[in-house]
Amino acid sequence: MRREVLADFDDGAKDRLGSVAKAVGFRRDMFQVSVEETFSSGHALRGYKGKCENVHGHNYRVRVTLEGPQLDAIGLLVDFTELKRVVREIMGRLDHQFMNDLEPFKNVNPSAENVAKYFYDEVTRQLKDLPPGSRVTDVILWETDTSRAQYRPGA
């Protein structure tokens, strides 16, 4: 709700309205940042019936997006340099590798969906000192220019 409308309500009513707005999915203002990087990797989809069960590779593109309601003391949601460092470190494990030979893909099928979730889990684990309420909102992984998978927690 707009601030001018809320000005007509007492604090108790504002709290109740905020709870209702949250329950029905209204969102507060958010800052959002994303970085994109590329890497090349090979994989084979276990249990798949078709040509993707064979060893093949992709020139992947990954986009990691964070959002939060407030910025840090110098006006940043996250330092792009730090976010890129984390994403590049994760990519470095996969770049020019056969993913089926790497953890966690020795047991988890290295589908685009699972690779996107892997990036989400790793970025979330490694990023420290984000402003309160900030989080990784999603990861998009392109296998080709026209085929992508997206992981969004709790979506």
Foldseek 3Di string as FASTA:
>chain_A
DDPVVCVVDDPVVVVVVVVVCVVVPNDDDKDKDKDKDWAKAWEAFPPDPDDSNDIDMFTKMKMWMKMFDAAPPVRHQDDPVVLVVQLVVVRVVGHHYYCCVDPPNVPPGPDLQVVQVVSQVSSQVPDPDGPPGMGTAKMWMDRDPPDIYMDGPPD
